[in-house]
Amino acid sequence: LSNIATTCCTCDSFGTVGAVDPKFSAPIANVTVPVGREGVMTCTVHDLYKYKVAWLRVDTQTILTIETLVITKSERISITHTEQRIWQLRIKDIRESDKGWYMCQINTDPMKSQMGYLDVV
């Protein structure tokens, strides 16, 4: 199998061509979840192409997911995505210890990121 990377380009009115960098389409909403329920945090990305999305737990600096791969050993964590655009971090059976900041990042150079807060009640 060959690795094929796709880059999106744009042309301005002068015919200048430039690559389009991925960007966040919307901020990550802060979420409040009762203990025992499922928490879902959503990261929406536009023009992702060859780049990857990762979710991290900020306070512990733990990588939770990279693309569709779950890195953490917790079986309560999963990732879903829709057309490489909407990336949802899912945490089952929410615990008080899950409360905190979560970061969605894109592996551009420099890295792009945004954070949302998960509150547990």
PDB file of N, CA and C in Angstrom:
ATOM      1  N   LEU A   1       0.837  -1.187   0.000  1.00  0.00           N
ATOM      2  CA  LEU A   1       0.000   0.000   0.000  1.00  0.00           C
ATOM      3  C   LEU A   1       0.874   1.239   0.000  1.00  0.00           C
ATOM      4  N   SER A   2       0.438   2.240  -0.689  1.00  0.00           N
ATOM      5  CA  SER A   2       1.210   3.479  -0.703  1.00  0.00           C
ATOM      6  C   SER A   2       0.546   4.520   0.182  1.00  0.00           C
ATOM      7  N   ASN A   3       1.356   5.388   0.736  1.00  0.00           N
ATOM      8  CA  ASN A   3       0.829   6.497   1.522  1.00  0.00           C
ATOM      9  C   ASN A   3       0.517   7.642   0.576  1.00  0.00           C
ATOM     10  N   ILE A   4      -0.721   8.023   0.545  1.00  0.00           N
ATOM     11  CA  ILE A   4      -1.137   9.117  -0.317  1.00  0.00           C
ATOM     12  C   ILE A   4      -1.653  10.230   0.574  1.00  0.00           C
ATOM     13  N   ALA A   5      -1.049  11.392   0.478  1.00  0.00           N
ATOM     14  CA  ALA A   5      -1.497  12.541   1.263  1.00  0.00           C
ATOM     15  C   ALA A   5      -2.177  13.524   0.327  1.00  0.00           C
ATOM     16  N   THR A   6      -3.223  14.120   0.801  1.00  0.00           N
ATOM     17  CA  THR A   6      -3.951  15.099   0.016  1.00  0.00           C
ATOM     18  C   THR A   6      -3.825  16.452   0.684  1.00  0.00           C
ATOM     19  N   THR A   7      -3.521  17.459  -0.087  1.00  0.00           N
ATOM     20  CA  THR A   7      -3.473  18.817   0.423  1.00  0.00           C
ATOM     21  C   THR A   7      -4.443  19.649  -0.383  1.00  0.00           C
ATOM     22  N   CYS A   8      -5.219  20.435   0.295  1.00  0.00           N
ATOM     23  CA  CYS A   8      -6.170  21.306  -0.379  1.00  0.00           C
ATOM     24  C   CYS A   8      -5.484  22.624  -0.676  1.00  0.00           C
ATOM     25  N   CYS A   9      -5.695  23.126  -1.834  1.00  0.00           N
ATOM     26  CA  CYS A   9      -5.097  24.401  -2.215  1.00  0.00           C
ATOM     27  C   CYS A   9      -6.185  25.373  -2.630  1.00  0.00           C
ATOM     28  N   THR A  10      -5.875  26.657  -2.482  1.00  0.00           N
ATOM     29  CA  THR A  10      -6.795  27.694  -2.921  1.00  0.00           C
ATOM     30  C   THR A  10      -6.060  28.627  -3.858  1.00  0.00           C
ATOM     31  N   CYS A  11      -6.805  29.276  -4.706  1.00  0.00           N
ATOM     32  CA  CYS A  11      -6.237  30.281  -5.603  1.00  0.00           C
ATOM     33  C   CYS A  11      -6.916  31.608  -5.315  1.00  0.00           C
ATOM     34  N   ASP A  12      -6.097  32.662  -5.192  1.00  0.00           N
ATOM     35  CA  ASP A  12      -6.700  33.976  -5.021  1.00  0.00           C
ATOM     36  C   ASP A  12      -6.930  34.605  -6.390  1.00  0.00           C
ATOM     37  N   SER A  13      -7.368  35.850  -6.421  1.00  0.00           N
ATOM     38  CA  SER A  13      -7.708  36.495  -7.692  1.00  0.00           C
ATOM     39  C   SER A  13      -6.490  36.719  -8.583  1.00  0.00           C
ATOM     40  N   PHE A  14      -5.282  36.592  -8.019  1.00  0.00           N
ATOM     41  CA  PHE A  14      -4.062  36.743  -8.810  1.00  0.00           C
ATOM     42  C   PHE A  14      -3.509  35.405  -9.281  1.00  0.00           C
ATOM     43  N   GLY A  15      -4.215  34.313  -8.951  1.00  0.00           N
ATOM     44  CA  GLY A  15      -3.764  32.992  -9.356  1.00  0.00           C
ATOM     45  C   GLY A  15      -2.735  32.389  -8.418  1.00  0.00           C
ATOM     46  N   THR A  16      -2.508  33.027  -7.273  1.00  0.00           N
ATOM     47  CA  THR A  16      -1.559  32.505  -6.292  1.00  0.00           C
ATOM     48  C   THR A  16      -2.161  31.289  -5.607  1.00  0.00           C
ATOM     49  N   VAL A  17      -1.360  30.234  -5.521  1.00  0.00           N
ATOM     50  CA  VAL A  17      -1.842  29.000  -4.918  1.00  0.00           C
ATOM     51  C   VAL A  17      -1.263  28.876  -3.514  1.00  0.00           C
ATOM     52  N   GLY A  18      -2.113  28.464  -2.575  1.00  0.00           N
ATOM     53  CA  GLY A  18      -1.652  28.261  -1.205  1.00  0.00           C
ATOM     54  C   GLY A  18      -2.371  27.089  -0.574  1.00  0.00           C
ATOM     55  N   ALA A  19      -1.696  26.409   0.326  1.00  0.00           N
ATOM     56  CA  ALA A  19      -2.316  25.284   1.030  1.00  0.00           C
ATOM     57  C   ALA A  19      -3.275  25.814   2.086  1.00  0.00           C
ATOM     58  N   VAL A  20      -4.341  25.067   2.319  1.00  0.00           N
ATOM     59  CA  VAL A  20      -5.324  25.432   3.331  1.00  0.00           C
ATOM     60  C   VAL A  20      -4.995  24.674   4.610  1.00  0.00           C
ATOM     61  N   ASP A  21      -4.800  25.412   5.686  1.00  0.00           N
ATOM     62  CA  ASP A  21      -4.541  24.782   6.980  1.00  0.00           C
ATOM     63  C   ASP A  21      -5.852  24.379   7.628  1.00  0.00           C
ATOM     64  N   PRO A  22      -5.839  23.293   8.381  1.00  0.00           N
ATOM     65  CA  PRO A  22      -7.052  22.924   9.115  1.00  0.00           C
ATOM     66  C   PRO A  22      -7.341  23.962  10.186  1.00  0.00           C
ATOM     67  N   LYS A  23      -8.617  24.062  10.547  1.00  0.00           N
ATOM     68  CA  LYS A  23      -8.996  24.990  11.604  1.00  0.00           C
ATOM     69  C   LYS A  23     -10.209  24.438  12.330  1.00  0.00           C
ATOM     70  N   PHE A  24     -10.447  24.979  13.507  1.00  0.00           N
ATOM     71  CA  PHE A  24     -11.616  24.588  14.280  1.00  0.00           C
ATOM     72  C   PHE A  24     -12.820  25.357  13.762  1.00  0.00           C
ATOM     73  N   SER A  25     -13.929  24.640  13.561  1.00  0.00           N
ATOM     74  CA  SER A  25     -15.146  25.259  13.045  1.00  0.00           C
ATOM     75  C   SER A  25     -16.002  25.851  14.145  1.00  0.00           C
ATOM     76  N   ALA A  26     -15.824  25.364  15.368  1.00  0.00           N
ATOM     77  CA  ALA A  26     -16.626  25.831  16.502  1.00  0.00           C
ATOM     78  C   ALA A  26     -15.845  25.567  17.778  1.00  0.00           C
ATOM     79  N   PRO A  27     -16.087  26.370  18.816  1.00  0.00           N
ATOM     80  CA  PRO A  27     -15.414  26.092  20.091  1.00  0.00           C
ATOM     81  C   PRO A  27     -15.955  24.813  20.722  1.00  0.00           C
ATOM     82  N   ILE A  28     -15.162  24.207  21.584  1.00  0.00           N
ATOM     83  CA  ILE A  28     -15.630  23.041  22.337  1.00  0.00           C
ATOM     84  C   ILE A  28     -16.540  23.551  23.446  1.00  0.00           C
ATOM     85  N   ALA A  29     -17.747  23.036  23.489  1.00  0.00           N
ATOM     86  CA  ALA A  29     -18.696  23.454  24.522  1.00  0.00           C
ATOM     87  C   ALA A  29     -18.321  22.825  25.856  1.00  0.00           C
ATOM     88  N   ASN A  30     -18.441  23.604  26.925  1.00  0.00           N
ATOM     89  CA  ASN A  30     -18.296  23.040  28.261  1.00  0.00           C
ATOM     90  C   ASN A  30     -19.498  22.149  28.516  1.00  0.00           C
ATOM     91  N   VAL A  31     -19.278  21.036  29.213  1.00  0.00           N
ATOM     92  CA  VAL A  31     -20.320  20.031  29.400  1.00  0.00           C
ATOM     93  C   VAL A  31     -20.470  19.733  30.890  1.00  0.00           C
ATOM     94  N   THR A  32     -21.717  19.596  31.345  1.00  0.00           N
ATOM     95  CA  THR A  32     -21.998  19.174  32.717  1.00  0.00           C
ATOM     96  C   THR A  32     -22.722  17.840  32.655  1.00  0.00           C
ATOM     97  N   VAL A  33     -22.177  16.839  33.358  1.00  0.00           N
ATOM     98  CA  VAL A  33     -22.701  15.478  33.274  1.00  0.00           C
ATOM     99  C   VAL A  33     -22.897  14.919  34.684  1.00  0.00           C
ATOM    100  N   PRO A  34     -24.049  14.284  34.946  1.00  0.00           N
ATOM    101  CA  PRO A  34     -24.241  13.630  36.244  1.00  0.00           C
ATOM    102  C   PRO A  34     -23.352  12.383  36.375  1.00  0.00           C
ATOM    103  N   VAL A  35     -22.934  12.093  37.598  1.00  0.00           N
ATOM    104  CA  VAL A  35     -22.161  10.878  37.879  1.00  0.00           C
ATOM    105  C   VAL A  35     -22.916   9.668  37.325  1.00  0.00           C
ATOM    106  N   GLY A  36     -22.178   8.776  36.663  1.00  0.00           N
ATOM    107  CA  GLY A  36     -22.767   7.547  36.135  1.00  0.00           C
ATOM    108  C   GLY A  36     -23.269   7.634  34.707  1.00  0.00           C
ATOM    109  N   ARG A  37     -23.424   8.836  34.175  1.00  0.00           N
ATOM    110  CA  ARG A  37     -23.908   8.999  32.799  1.00  0.00           C
ATOM    111  C   ARG A  37     -22.727   9.056  31.830  1.00  0.00           C
ATOM    112  N   GLU A  38     -23.032   9.241  30.541  1.00  0.00           N
ATOM    113  CA  GLU A  38     -21.974   9.365  29.536  1.00  0.00           C
ATOM    114  C   GLU A  38     -21.722  10.838  29.240  1.00  0.00           C
ATOM    115  N   GLY A  39     -20.442  11.210  29.229  1.00  0.00           N
ATOM    116  CA  GLY A  39     -20.052  12.563  28.846  1.00  0.00           C
ATOM    117  C   GLY A  39     -19.527  12.557  27.424  1.00  0.00           C
ATOM    118  N   VAL A  40     -19.943  13.552  26.637  1.00  0.00           N
ATOM    119  CA  VAL A  40     -19.494  13.655  25.251  1.00  0.00           C
ATOM    120  C   VAL A  40     -18.970  15.067  25.017  1.00  0.00           C
ATOM    121  N   MET A  41     -17.728  15.159  24.556  1.00  0.00           N
ATOM    122  CA  MET A  41     -17.141  16.448  24.202  1.00  0.00           C
ATOM    123  C   MET A  41     -16.882  16.426  22.704  1.00  0.00           C
ATOM    124  N   THR A  42     -17.265  17.512  22.030  1.00  0.00           N
ATOM    125  CA  THR A  42     -17.220  17.554  20.573  1.00  0.00           C
ATOM    126  C   THR A  42     -16.217  18.588  20.072  1.00  0.00           C
ATOM    127  N   CYS A  43     -15.368  18.147  19.152  1.00  0.00           N
ATOM    128  CA  CYS A  43     -14.378  19.003  18.499  1.00  0.00           C
ATOM    129  C   CYS A  43     -14.694  18.983  17.001  1.00  0.00           C
ATOM    130  N   THR A  44     -14.964  20.154  16.442  1.00  0.00           N
ATOM    131  CA  THR A  44     -15.333  20.238  15.032  1.00  0.00           C
ATOM    132  C   THR A  44     -14.202  20.906  14.250  1.00  0.00           C
ATOM    133  N   VAL A  45     -13.708  20.198  13.227  1.00  0.00           N
ATOM    134  CA  VAL A  45     -12.536  20.631  12.474  1.00  0.00           C
ATOM    135  C   VAL A  45     -12.906  20.772  10.998  1.00  0.00           C
ATOM    136  N   HIS A  46     -12.341  21.778  10.357  1.00  0.00           N
ATOM    137  CA  HIS A  46     -12.566  22.013   8.934  1.00  0.00           C
ATOM    138  C   HIS A  46     -11.227  21.881   8.204  1.00  0.00           C
ATOM    139  N   ASP A  47     -11.228  21.249   7.041  1.00  0.00           N
ATOM    140  CA  ASP A  47     -10.023  21.083   6.207  1.00  0.00           C
ATOM    141  C   ASP A  47      -8.916  20.291   6.902  1.00  0.00           C
ATOM    142  N   LEU A  48      -9.247  19.152   7.486  1.00  0.00           N
ATOM    143  CA  LEU A  48      -8.263  18.358   8.232  1.00  0.00           C
ATOM    144  C   LEU A  48      -7.210  17.730   7.316  1.00  0.00           C
ATOM    145  N   TYR A  49      -7.630  17.120   6.221  1.00  0.00           N
ATOM    146  CA  TYR A  49      -6.760  16.469   5.243  1.00  0.00           C
ATOM    147  C   TYR A  49      -5.751  15.526   5.884  1.00  0.00           C
ATOM    148  N   LYS A  50      -4.464  15.770   5.734  1.00  0.00           N
ATOM    149  CA  LYS A  50      -3.445  14.824   6.199  1.00  0.00           C
ATOM    150  C   LYS A  50      -3.161  14.917   7.696  1.00  0.00           C
ATOM    151  N   TYR A  51      -3.739  15.889   8.353  1.00  0.00           N
ATOM    152  CA  TYR A  51      -3.448  16.088   9.778  1.00  0.00           C
ATOM    153  C   TYR A  51      -4.287  15.168  10.655  1.00  0.00           C
ATOM    154  N   LYS A  52      -3.881  15.059  11.925  1.00  0.00           N
ATOM    155  CA  LYS A  52      -4.556  14.165  12.866  1.00  0.00           C
ATOM    156  C   LYS A  52      -5.125  14.958  14.035  1.00  0.00           C
ATOM    157  N   VAL A  53      -6.239  14.450  14.565  1.00  0.00           N
ATOM    158  CA  VAL A  53      -6.873  15.036  15.747  1.00  0.00           C
ATOM    159  C   VAL A  53      -6.570  14.145  16.944  1.00  0.00           C
ATOM    160  N   ALA A  54      -6.218  14.764  18.058  1.00  0.00           N
ATOM    161  CA  ALA A  54      -5.983  14.029  19.303  1.00  0.00           C
ATOM    162  C   ALA A  54      -6.769  14.697  20.427  1.00  0.00           C
ATOM    163  N   TRP A  55      -7.186  13.884  21.396  1.00  0.00           N
ATOM    164  CA  TRP A  55      -7.822  14.383  22.620  1.00  0.00           C
ATOM    165  C   TRP A  55      -6.880  14.111  23.780  1.00  0.00           C
ATOM    166  N   LEU A  56      -6.733  15.094  24.681  1.00  0.00           N
ATOM    167  CA  LEU A  56      -5.872  14.965  25.851  1.00  0.00           C
ATOM    168  C   LEU A  56      -6.607  15.424  27.104  1.00  0.00           C
ATOM    169  N   ARG A  57      -6.237  14.856  28.218  1.00  0.00           N
ATOM    170  CA  ARG A  57      -6.684  15.333  29.530  1.00  0.00           C
ATOM    171  C   ARG A  57      -5.631  16.346  29.962  1.00  0.00           C
ATOM    172  N   VAL A  58      -6.019  17.597  30.156  1.00  0.00           N
ATOM    173  CA  VAL A  58      -5.055  18.670  30.366  1.00  0.00           C
ATOM    174  C   VAL A  58      -4.307  18.545  31.689  1.00  0.00           C
ATOM    175  N   ASP A  59      -5.012  18.349  32.803  1.00  0.00           N
ATOM    176  CA  ASP A  59      -4.347  18.381  34.112  1.00  0.00           C
ATOM    177  C   ASP A  59      -3.325  17.265  34.307  1.00  0.00           C
ATOM    178  N   THR A  60      -3.557  16.129  33.700  1.00  0.00           N
ATOM    179  CA  THR A  60      -2.609  15.012  33.825  1.00  0.00           C
ATOM    180  C   THR A  60      -1.702  14.884  32.600  1.00  0.00           C
ATOM    181  N   GLN A  61      -1.940  15.727  31.580  1.00  0.00           N
ATOM    182  CA  GLN A  61      -1.203  15.683  30.317  1.00  0.00           C
ATOM    183  C   GLN A  61      -1.231  14.287  29.706  1.00  0.00           C
ATOM    184  N   THR A  62      -2.391  13.646  29.800  1.00  0.00           N
ATOM    185  CA  THR A  62      -2.571  12.293  29.287  1.00  0.00           C
ATOM    186  C   THR A  62      -3.170  12.336  27.889  1.00  0.00           C
ATOM    187  N   ILE A  63      -2.528  11.642  26.942  1.00  0.00           N
ATOM    188  CA  ILE A  63      -3.102  11.506  25.606  1.00  0.00           C
ATOM    189  C   ILE A  63      -4.182  10.436  25.691  1.00  0.00           C
ATOM    190  N   LEU A  64      -5.404  10.797  25.320  1.00  0.00           N
ATOM    191  CA  LEU A  64      -6.520   9.857  25.385  1.00  0.00           C
ATOM    192  C   LEU A  64      -6.742   9.159  24.053  1.00  0.00           C
ATOM    193  N   THR A  65      -6.738   9.937  22.957  1.00  0.00           N
ATOM    194  CA  THR A  65      -6.962   9.362  21.626  1.00  0.00           C
ATOM    195  C   THR A  65      -6.101  10.084  20.599  1.00  0.00           C
ATOM    196  N   ILE A  66      -5.754   9.362  19.535  1.00  0.00           N
ATOM    197  CA  ILE A  66      -5.148   9.950  18.342  1.00  0.00           C
ATOM    198  C   ILE A  66      -5.908   9.368  17.168  1.00  0.00           C
ATOM    199  N   GLU A  67      -6.540  10.238  16.402  1.00  0.00           N
ATOM    200  CA  GLU A  67      -7.469   9.816  15.355  1.00  0.00           C
ATOM    201  C   GLU A  67      -8.484   8.854  15.963  1.00  0.00           C
ATOM    202  N   THR A  68      -8.623   7.653  15.411  1.00  0.00           N
ATOM    203  CA  THR A  68      -9.618   6.708  15.930  1.00  0.00           C
ATOM    204  C   THR A  68      -9.026   5.729  16.937  1.00  0.00           C
ATOM    205  N   LEU A  69      -7.760   5.899  17.268  1.00  0.00           N
ATOM    206  CA  LEU A  69      -7.078   5.002  18.194  1.00  0.00           C
ATOM    207  C   LEU A  69      -7.187   5.524  19.626  1.00  0.00           C
ATOM    208  N   VAL A  70      -7.699   4.686  20.518  1.00  0.00           N
ATOM    209  CA  VAL A  70      -7.758   5.041  21.936  1.00  0.00           C
ATOM    210  C   VAL A  70      -6.419   4.662  22.562  1.00  0.00           C
ATOM    211  N   ILE A  71      -5.727   5.642  23.134  1.00  0.00           N
ATOM    212  CA  ILE A  71      -4.397   5.441  23.705  1.00  0.00           C
ATOM    213  C   ILE A  71      -4.477   5.029  25.172  1.00  0.00           C
ATOM    214  N   THR A  72      -5.361   5.667  25.919  1.00  0.00           N
ATOM    215  CA  THR A  72      -5.486   5.386  27.345  1.00  0.00           C
ATOM    216  C   THR A  72      -5.991   3.962  27.571  1.00  0.00           C
ATOM    217  N   LYS A  73      -5.659   3.405  28.709  1.00  0.00           N
ATOM    218  CA  LYS A  73      -6.082   2.035  29.012  1.00  0.00           C
ATOM    219  C   LYS A  73      -7.509   1.961  29.551  1.00  0.00           C
ATOM    220  N   SER A  74      -8.122   3.101  29.809  1.00  0.00           N
ATOM    221  CA  SER A  74      -9.479   3.116  30.345  1.00  0.00           C
ATOM    222  C   SER A  74     -10.481   2.628  29.304  1.00  0.00           C
ATOM    223  N   GLU A  75     -11.244   1.616  29.668  1.00  0.00           N
ATOM    224  CA  GLU A  75     -12.267   1.088  28.760  1.00  0.00           C
ATOM    225  C   GLU A  75     -13.489   1.995  28.700  1.00  0.00           C
ATOM    226  N   ARG A  76     -13.523   3.016  29.537  1.00  0.00           N
ATOM    227  CA  ARG A  76     -14.650   3.952  29.526  1.00  0.00           C
ATOM    228  C   ARG A  76     -14.515   5.007  28.435  1.00  0.00           C
ATOM    229  N   ILE A  77     -13.324   5.124  27.851  1.00  0.00           N
ATOM    230  CA  ILE A  77     -13.043   6.142  26.839  1.00  0.00           C
ATOM    231  C   ILE A  77     -13.219   5.564  25.441  1.00  0.00           C
ATOM    232  N   SER A  78     -13.913   6.324  24.580  1.00  0.00           N
ATOM    233  CA  SER A  78     -14.013   5.947  23.163  1.00  0.00           C
ATOM    234  C   SER A  78     -14.031   7.222  22.323  1.00  0.00           C
ATOM    235  N   ILE A  79     -13.841   7.050  21.032  1.00  0.00           N
ATOM    236  CA  ILE A  79     -13.833   8.180  20.101  1.00  0.00           C
ATOM    237  C   ILE A  79     -14.740   7.850  18.927  1.00  0.00           C
ATOM    238  N   THR A  80     -15.515   8.824  18.499  1.00  0.00           N
ATOM    239  CA  THR A  80     -16.308   8.669  17.281  1.00  0.00           C
ATOM    240  C   THR A  80     -16.035   9.887  16.405  1.00  0.00           C
ATOM    241  N   HIS A  81     -16.184   9.700  15.108  1.00  0.00           N
ATOM    242  CA  HIS A  81     -16.019  10.852  14.214  1.00  0.00           C
ATOM    243  C   HIS A  81     -16.952  10.720  13.025  1.00  0.00           C
ATOM    244  N   THR A  82     -17.278  11.860  12.476  1.00  0.00           N
ATOM    245  CA  THR A  82     -18.136  11.930  11.305  1.00  0.00           C
ATOM    246  C   THR A  82     -17.362  12.629  10.199  1.00  0.00           C
ATOM    247  N   GLU A  83     -17.071  11.896   9.138  1.00  0.00           N
ATOM    248  CA  GLU A  83     -16.418  12.439   7.943  1.00  0.00           C
ATOM    249  C   GLU A  83     -15.175  13.268   8.250  1.00  0.00           C
ATOM    250  N   GLN A  84     -14.343  12.804   9.186  1.00  0.00           N
ATOM    251  CA  GLN A  84     -13.095  13.484   9.537  1.00  0.00           C
ATOM    252  C   GLN A  84     -13.334  14.925   9.986  1.00  0.00           C
ATOM    253  N   ARG A  85     -14.553  15.242  10.377  1.00  0.00           N
ATOM    254  CA  ARG A  85     -14.900  16.623  10.704  1.00  0.00           C
ATOM    255  C   ARG A  85     -15.331  16.804  12.155  1.00  0.00           C
ATOM    256  N   ILE A  86     -16.212  15.952  12.635  1.00  0.00           N
ATOM    257  CA  ILE A  86     -16.726  16.055  13.999  1.00  0.00           C
ATOM    258  C   ILE A  86     -16.136  14.911  14.816  1.00  0.00           C
ATOM    259  N   TRP A  87     -15.301  15.256  15.788  1.00  0.00           N
ATOM    260  CA  TRP A  87     -14.603  14.278  16.621  1.00  0.00           C
ATOM    261  C   TRP A  87     -15.178  14.343  18.026  1.00  0.00           C
ATOM    262  N   GLN A  88     -15.751  13.230  18.487  1.00  0.00           N
ATOM    263  CA  GLN A  88     -16.391  13.206  19.800  1.00  0.00           C
ATOM    264  C   GLN A  88     -15.649  12.270  20.749  1.00  0.00           C
ATOM    265  N   LEU A  89     -15.179  12.858  21.846  1.00  0.00           N
ATOM    266  CA  LEU A  89     -14.595  12.088  22.933  1.00  0.00           C
ATOM    267  C   LEU A  89     -15.740  11.650  23.828  1.00  0.00           C
ATOM    268  N   ARG A  90     -15.856  10.341  24.061  1.00  0.00           N
ATOM    269  CA  ARG A  90     -16.949   9.798  24.874  1.00  0.00           C
ATOM    270  C   ARG A  90     -16.370   9.132  26.114  1.00  0.00           C
ATOM    271  N   ILE A  91     -16.940   9.495  27.259  1.00  0.00           N
ATOM    272  CA  ILE A  91     -16.516   8.904  28.530  1.00  0.00           C
ATOM    273  C   ILE A  91     -17.747   8.296  29.182  1.00  0.00           C
ATOM    274  N   LYS A  92     -17.754   6.963  29.287  1.00  0.00           N
ATOM    275  CA  LYS A  92     -18.882   6.253  29.906  1.00  0.00           C
ATOM    276  C   LYS A  92     -18.750   6.279  31.419  1.00  0.00           C
ATOM    277  N   ASP A  93     -19.882   6.105  32.083  1.00  0.00           N
ATOM    278  CA  ASP A  93     -19.898   5.952  33.539  1.00  0.00           C
ATOM    279  C   ASP A  93     -19.057   7.042  34.219  1.00  0.00           C
ATOM    280  N   ILE A  94     -19.430   8.292  33.956  1.00  0.00           N
ATOM    281  CA  ILE A  94     -18.691   9.455  34.469  1.00  0.00           C
ATOM    282  C   ILE A  94     -18.489   9.371  35.980  1.00  0.00           C
ATOM    283  N   ARG A  95     -17.270   9.716  36.383  1.00  0.00           N
ATOM    284  CA  ARG A  95     -16.897   9.752  37.803  1.00  0.00           C
ATOM    285  C   ARG A  95     -16.482  11.177  38.164  1.00  0.00           C
ATOM    286  N   GLU A  96     -16.515  11.472  39.440  1.00  0.00           N
ATOM    287  CA  GLU A  96     -16.075  12.787  39.923  1.00  0.00           C
ATOM    288  C   GLU A  96     -14.650  13.087  39.450  1.00  0.00           C
ATOM    289  N   SER A  97     -13.816  12.067  39.381  1.00  0.00           N
ATOM    290  CA  SER A  97     -12.410  12.246  38.979  1.00  0.00           C
ATOM    291  C   SER A  97     -12.251  12.618  37.501  1.00  0.00           C
ATOM    292  N   ASP A  98     -13.324  12.507  36.700  1.00  0.00           N
ATOM    293  CA  ASP A  98     -13.262  12.886  35.284  1.00  0.00           C
ATOM    294  C   ASP A  98     -13.385  14.393  35.084  1.00  0.00           C
ATOM    295  N   LYS A  99     -13.775  15.110  36.137  1.00  0.00           N
ATOM    296  CA  LYS A  99     -13.957  16.559  36.051  1.00  0.00           C
ATOM    297  C   LYS A  99     -12.648  17.223  35.658  1.00  0.00           C
ATOM    298  N   GLY A 100     -12.726  18.188  34.729  1.00  0.00           N
ATOM    299  CA  GLY A 100     -11.525  18.932  34.356  1.00  0.00           C
ATOM    300  C   GLY A 100     -11.537  19.387  32.911  1.00  0.00           C
ATOM    301  N   TRP A 101     -10.404  19.928  32.489  1.00  0.00           N
ATOM    302  CA  TRP A 101     -10.226  20.441  31.130  1.00  0.00           C
ATOM    303  C   TRP A 101      -9.751  19.331  30.194  1.00  0.00           C
ATOM    304  N   TYR A 102     -10.335  19.317  28.995  1.00  0.00           N
ATOM    305  CA  TYR A 102      -9.952  18.380  27.942  1.00  0.00           C
ATOM    306  C   TYR A 102      -9.563  19.195  26.715  1.00  0.00           C
ATOM    307  N   MET A 103      -8.521  18.741  26.029  1.00  0.00           N
ATOM    308  CA  MET A 103      -8.003  19.469  24.875  1.00  0.00           C
ATOM    309  C   MET A 103      -8.132  18.643  23.603  1.00  0.00           C
ATOM    310  N   CYS A 104      -8.603  19.296  22.560  1.00  0.00           N
ATOM    311  CA  CYS A 104      -8.602  18.728  21.212  1.00  0.00           C
ATOM    312  C   CYS A 104      -7.472  19.433  20.475  1.00  0.00           C
ATOM    313  N   GLN A 105      -6.583  18.662  19.859  1.00  0.00           N
ATOM    314  CA  GLN A 105      -5.483  19.304  19.146  1.00  0.00           C
ATOM    315  C   GLN A 105      -5.306  18.720  17.755  1.00  0.00           C
ATOM    316  N   ILE A 106      -4.775  19.557  16.876  1.00  0.00           N
ATOM    317  CA  ILE A 106      -4.460  19.173  15.497  1.00  0.00           C
ATOM    318  C   ILE A 106      -2.946  19.253  15.366  1.00  0.00           C
ATOM    319  N   ASN A 107      -2.336  18.241  14.763  1.00  0.00           N
ATOM    320  CA  ASN A 107      -0.873  18.163  14.720  1.00  0.00           C
ATOM    321  C   ASN A 107      -0.248  19.006  13.607  1.00  0.00           C
ATOM    322  N   THR A 108      -0.685  20.248  13.477  1.00  0.00           N
ATOM    323  CA  THR A 108      -0.056  21.193  12.555  1.00  0.00           C
ATOM    324  C   THR A 108       1.241  21.700  13.195  1.00  0.00           C
ATOM    325  N   ASP A 109       2.000  22.495  12.460  1.00  0.00           N
ATOM    326  CA  ASP A 109       3.212  23.095  13.005  1.00  0.00           C
ATOM    327  C   ASP A 109       3.131  24.605  12.788  1.00  0.00           C
ATOM    328  N   PRO A 110       2.856  25.377  13.826  1.00  0.00           N
ATOM    329  CA  PRO A 110       2.692  24.971  15.219  1.00  0.00           C
ATOM    330  C   PRO A 110       1.343  24.281  15.448  1.00  0.00           C
ATOM    331  N   MET A 111       1.282  23.505  16.521  1.00  0.00           N
ATOM    332  CA  MET A 111       0.085  22.749  16.877  1.00  0.00           C
ATOM    333  C   MET A 111      -1.076  23.706  17.169  1.00  0.00           C
ATOM    334  N   LYS A 112      -2.279  23.296  16.755  1.00  0.00           N
ATOM    335  CA  LYS A 112      -3.494  24.064  17.060  1.00  0.00           C
ATOM    336  C   LYS A 112      -4.291  23.285  18.089  1.00  0.00           C
ATOM    337  N   SER A 113      -4.871  24.004  19.038  1.00  0.00           N
ATOM    338  CA  SER A 113      -5.647  23.311  20.061  1.00  0.00           C
ATOM    339  C   SER A 113      -6.753  24.204  20.600  1.00  0.00           C
ATOM    340  N   GLN A 114      -7.716  23.548  21.207  1.00  0.00           N
ATOM    341  CA  GLN A 114      -8.747  24.251  21.958  1.00  0.00           C
ATOM    342  C   GLN A 114      -9.191  23.340  23.091  1.00  0.00           C
ATOM    343  N   MET A 115      -9.775  23.953  24.131  1.00  0.00           N
ATOM    344  CA  MET A 115     -10.131  23.188  25.320  1.00  0.00           C
ATOM    345  C   MET A 115     -11.597  23.391  25.688  1.00  0.00           C
ATOM    346  N   GLY A 116     -12.128  22.376  26.369  1.00  0.00           N
ATOM    347  CA  GLY A 116     -13.466  22.455  26.934  1.00  0.00           C
ATOM    348  C   GLY A 116     -13.440  21.842  28.319  1.00  0.00           C
ATOM    349  N   TYR A 117     -14.379  22.271  29.172  1.00  0.00           N
ATOM    350  CA  TYR A 117     -14.400  21.813  30.559  1.00  0.00           C
ATOM    351  C   TYR A 117     -15.531  20.816  30.763  1.00  0.00           C
ATOM    352  N   LEU A 118     -15.203  19.710  31.410  1.00  0.00           N
ATOM    353  CA  LEU A 118     -16.192  18.698  31.781  1.00  0.00           C
ATOM    354  C   LEU A 118     -16.449  18.837  33.276  1.00  0.00           C
ATOM    355  N   ASP A 119     -17.681  19.200  33.625  1.00  0.00           N
ATOM    356  CA  ASP A 119     -18.064  19.312  35.029  1.00  0.00           C
ATOM    357  C   ASP A 119     -18.902  18.093  35.387  1.00  0.00           C
ATOM    358  N   VAL A 120     -18.751  17.606  36.593  1.00  0.00           N
ATOM    359  CA  VAL A 120     -19.471  16.419  37.046  1.00  0.00           C
ATOM    360  C   VAL A 120     -20.317  16.808  38.255  1.00  0.00           C
ATOM    361  N   VAL A 121     -21.598  16.441  38.199  1.00  0.00           N
ATOM    362  CA  VAL A 121     -22.519  16.768  39.304  1.00  0.00           C
ATOM    363  C   VAL A 121     -23.137  15.514  39.882  1.00  0.00           C
TER     364      VAL A 121
END
